[in-house]
Amino acid sequence: MTSGLSPAQQTLVIRAEIDGLSQLILDDDTAQWHHISFAAPGRHFCDSGDPIEPTILGGVEWFPVWPDVPDCENRDCNQYGYEHTPADDDPPREP
């Protein structure tokens, strides 16, 4: 997230619904979830009708794409979600 500021001067506010063990990987201009156990970020109880929640990065909603295996919660899938870059005009959104 290039801004001309030193790393000590940059702040990124992140909001996410976390159910278990997941890692948010921030690298240069990209963000990506590595989900390990329990429900994937933003997916807790989606298999029972609750809405899918976005990860919010600096005020921008991001809906990572998951394989939805064995269900929409992606429990214990040990997968990576769709990588997001701030330059994406319209990042993929879940229905």
C-alpha atoms as a PDB file:
ATOM      1  CA  MET A   1       0.000   0.000   0.000  1.00  0.00           C
ATOM      2  CA  THR A   2       2.346   2.568  -1.339  1.00  0.00           C
ATOM      3  CA  SER A   3       1.779   6.032   0.049  1.00  0.00           C
ATOM      4  CA  GLY A   4       5.219   7.601   0.366  1.00  0.00           C
ATOM      5  CA  LEU A   5       5.106   7.192   4.150  1.00  0.00           C
ATOM      6  CA  SER A   6       7.520   5.056   6.082  1.00  0.00           C
ATOM      7  CA  PRO A   7       6.079   1.753   7.430  1.00  0.00           C
ATOM      8  CA  ALA A   8       6.001   3.239  10.942  1.00  0.00           C
ATOM      9  CA  GLN A   9       3.684   6.010   9.692  1.00  0.00           C
ATOM     10  CA  GLN A  10       1.138   3.797   7.900  1.00  0.00           C
ATOM     11  CA  THR A  11      -2.053   2.534   9.489  1.00  0.00           C
ATOM     12  CA  LEU A  12      -4.542   0.115   7.979  1.00  0.00           C
ATOM     13  CA  VAL A  13      -7.795  -0.455   9.852  1.00  0.00           C
ATOM     14  CA  ILE A  14      -9.051  -4.015   9.371  1.00  0.00           C
ATOM     15  CA  ARG A  15     -12.423  -5.465  10.369  1.00  0.00           C
ATOM     16  CA  ALA A  16     -13.207  -9.153   9.918  1.00  0.00           C
ATOM     17  CA  GLU A  17     -15.406 -11.859  11.418  1.00  0.00           C
ATOM     18  CA  ILE A  18     -13.020 -14.576  12.622  1.00  0.00           C
ATOM     19  CA  ASP A  19     -14.232 -17.946  13.904  1.00  0.00           C
ATOM     20  CA  GLY A  20     -11.024 -19.914  14.204  1.00  0.00           C
ATOM     21  CA  LEU A  21      -7.429 -19.884  13.024  1.00  0.00           C
ATOM     22  CA  SER A  22      -6.891 -17.695   9.967  1.00  0.00           C
ATOM     23  CA  GLN A  23      -3.957 -15.561   8.875  1.00  0.00           C
ATOM     24  CA  LEU A  24      -4.320 -12.298   6.964  1.00  0.00           C
ATOM     25  CA  ILE A  25      -1.290 -11.935   4.704  1.00  0.00           C
ATOM     26  CA  LEU A  26      -0.421  -8.362   3.711  1.00  0.00           C
ATOM     27  CA  ASP A  27       2.350  -8.094   1.133  1.00  0.00           C
ATOM     28  CA  ASP A  28       3.131  -4.897  -0.759  1.00  0.00           C
ATOM     29  CA  ASP A  29      -0.205  -4.018  -2.410  1.00  0.00           C
ATOM     30  CA  THR A  30      -2.047  -7.302  -1.782  1.00  0.00           C
ATOM     31  CA  ALA A  31      -4.122  -8.926   0.939  1.00  0.00           C
ATOM     32  CA  GLN A  32      -4.954 -12.628   1.164  1.00  0.00           C
ATOM     33  CA  TRP A  33      -6.486 -14.901   3.799  1.00  0.00           C
ATOM     34  CA  HIS A  34      -4.946 -18.253   4.664  1.00  0.00           C
ATOM     35  CA  HIS A  35      -7.740 -20.064   6.460  1.00  0.00           C
ATOM     36  CA  ILE A  36      -6.736 -23.028   8.617  1.00  0.00           C
ATOM     37  CA  SER A  37      -9.481 -24.124  11.013  1.00  0.00           C
ATOM     38  CA  PHE A  38     -13.144 -23.644  11.911  1.00  0.00           C
ATOM     39  CA  ALA A  39     -15.210 -21.345   9.621  1.00  0.00           C
ATOM     40  CA  ALA A  40     -13.427 -19.159   7.053  1.00  0.00           C
ATOM     41  CA  PRO A  41     -13.382 -15.388   7.710  1.00  0.00           C
ATOM     42  CA  GLY A  42     -16.840 -13.918   7.199  1.00  0.00           C
ATOM     43  CA  ARG A  43     -18.420 -17.360   6.750  1.00  0.00           C
ATOM     44  CA  HIS A  44     -19.484 -18.326  10.292  1.00  0.00           C
ATOM     45  CA  PHE A  45     -23.020 -19.804  10.222  1.00  0.00           C
ATOM     46  CA  CYS A  46     -23.531 -19.076   6.493  1.00  0.00           C
ATOM     47  CA  ASP A  47     -24.582 -22.718   6.068  1.00  0.00           C
ATOM     48  CA  SER A  48     -27.591 -21.981   8.290  1.00  0.00           C
ATOM     49  CA  GLY A  49     -28.633 -18.832   6.427  1.00  0.00           C
ATOM     50  CA  ASP A  50     -26.594 -16.090   8.088  1.00  0.00           C
ATOM     51  CA  PRO A  51     -25.220 -13.554   5.567  1.00  0.00           C
ATOM     52  CA  ILE A  52     -21.631 -13.726   4.384  1.00  0.00           C
ATOM     53  CA  GLU A  53     -19.658 -10.887   5.989  1.00  0.00           C
ATOM     54  CA  PRO A  54     -16.913  -8.926   4.217  1.00  0.00           C
ATOM     55  CA  THR A  55     -13.381  -8.306   5.370  1.00  0.00           C
ATOM     56  CA  ILE A  56     -13.025  -4.521   5.502  1.00  0.00           C
ATOM     57  CA  LEU A  57      -9.606  -3.117   4.633  1.00  0.00           C
ATOM     58  CA  GLY A  58      -9.276   0.611   5.122  1.00  0.00           C
ATOM     59  CA  GLY A  59     -13.029   1.079   4.716  1.00  0.00           C
ATOM     60  CA  VAL A  60     -13.264  -1.053   1.538  1.00  0.00           C
ATOM     61  CA  GLU A  61     -15.377  -4.222   1.621  1.00  0.00           C
ATOM     62  CA  TRP A  62     -13.693  -7.368   0.308  1.00  0.00           C
ATOM     63  CA  PHE A  63     -15.461 -10.709  -0.095  1.00  0.00           C
ATOM     64  CA  PRO A  64     -12.754 -13.393  -0.485  1.00  0.00           C
ATOM     65  CA  VAL A  65     -13.660 -16.268  -2.787  1.00  0.00           C
ATOM     66  CA  TRP A  66     -13.469 -19.698  -1.146  1.00  0.00           C
ATOM     67  CA  PRO A  67     -13.908 -23.208  -2.635  1.00  0.00           C
ATOM     68  CA  ASP A  68     -17.085 -23.808  -0.543  1.00  0.00           C
ATOM     69  CA  VAL A  69     -16.025 -27.364   0.294  1.00  0.00           C
ATOM     70  CA  PRO A  70     -17.538 -29.133   2.154  1.00  0.00           C
ATOM     71  CA  ASP A  71     -20.006 -26.225   2.600  1.00  0.00           C
ATOM     72  CA  CYS A  72     -20.079 -22.406   2.520  1.00  0.00           C
ATOM     73  CA  GLU A  73     -18.298 -22.189   5.890  1.00  0.00           C
ATOM     74  CA  ASN A  74     -15.195 -23.901   4.432  1.00  0.00           C
ATOM     75  CA  ARG A  75     -14.498 -25.436   7.828  1.00  0.00           C
ATOM     76  CA  ASP A  76     -10.933 -26.612   8.325  1.00  0.00           C
ATOM     77  CA  CYS A  77     -10.193 -26.260   4.586  1.00  0.00           C
ATOM     78  CA  ASN A  78      -6.568 -25.042   4.929  1.00  0.00           C
ATOM     79  CA  GLN A  79      -7.029 -22.944   1.763  1.00  0.00           C
ATOM     80  CA  TYR A  80      -6.117 -19.476   0.546  1.00  0.00           C
ATOM     81  CA  GLY A  81      -8.848 -16.984  -0.324  1.00  0.00           C
ATOM     82  CA  TYR A  82      -8.834 -14.820  -3.432  1.00  0.00           C
ATOM     83  CA  GLU A  83      -5.987 -12.299  -3.305  1.00  0.00           C
ATOM     84  CA  HIS A  84      -7.102  -8.658  -3.309  1.00  0.00           C
ATOM     85  CA  THR A  85      -5.167  -5.637  -4.493  1.00  0.00           C
ATOM     86  CA  PRO A  86      -6.316  -2.049  -3.940  1.00  0.00           C
ATOM     87  CA  ALA A  87      -6.020  -1.499  -7.709  1.00  0.00           C
ATOM     88  CA  ASP A  88      -8.834  -4.004  -8.348  1.00  0.00           C
ATOM     89  CA  ASP A  89     -11.668  -1.904  -9.733  1.00  0.00           C
ATOM     90  CA  ASP A  90     -14.323  -4.370  -8.639  1.00  0.00           C
ATOM     91  CA  PRO A  91     -13.045  -7.282  -6.513  1.00  0.00           C
ATOM     92  CA  PRO A  92     -15.161 -10.439  -6.800  1.00  0.00           C
ATOM     93  CA  ARG A  93     -18.170 -10.427  -4.476  1.00  0.00           C
ATOM     94  CA  GLU A  94     -19.990 -13.410  -3.116  1.00  0.00           C
ATOM     95  CA  PRO A  95     -23.741 -13.592  -3.831  1.00  0.00           C
END
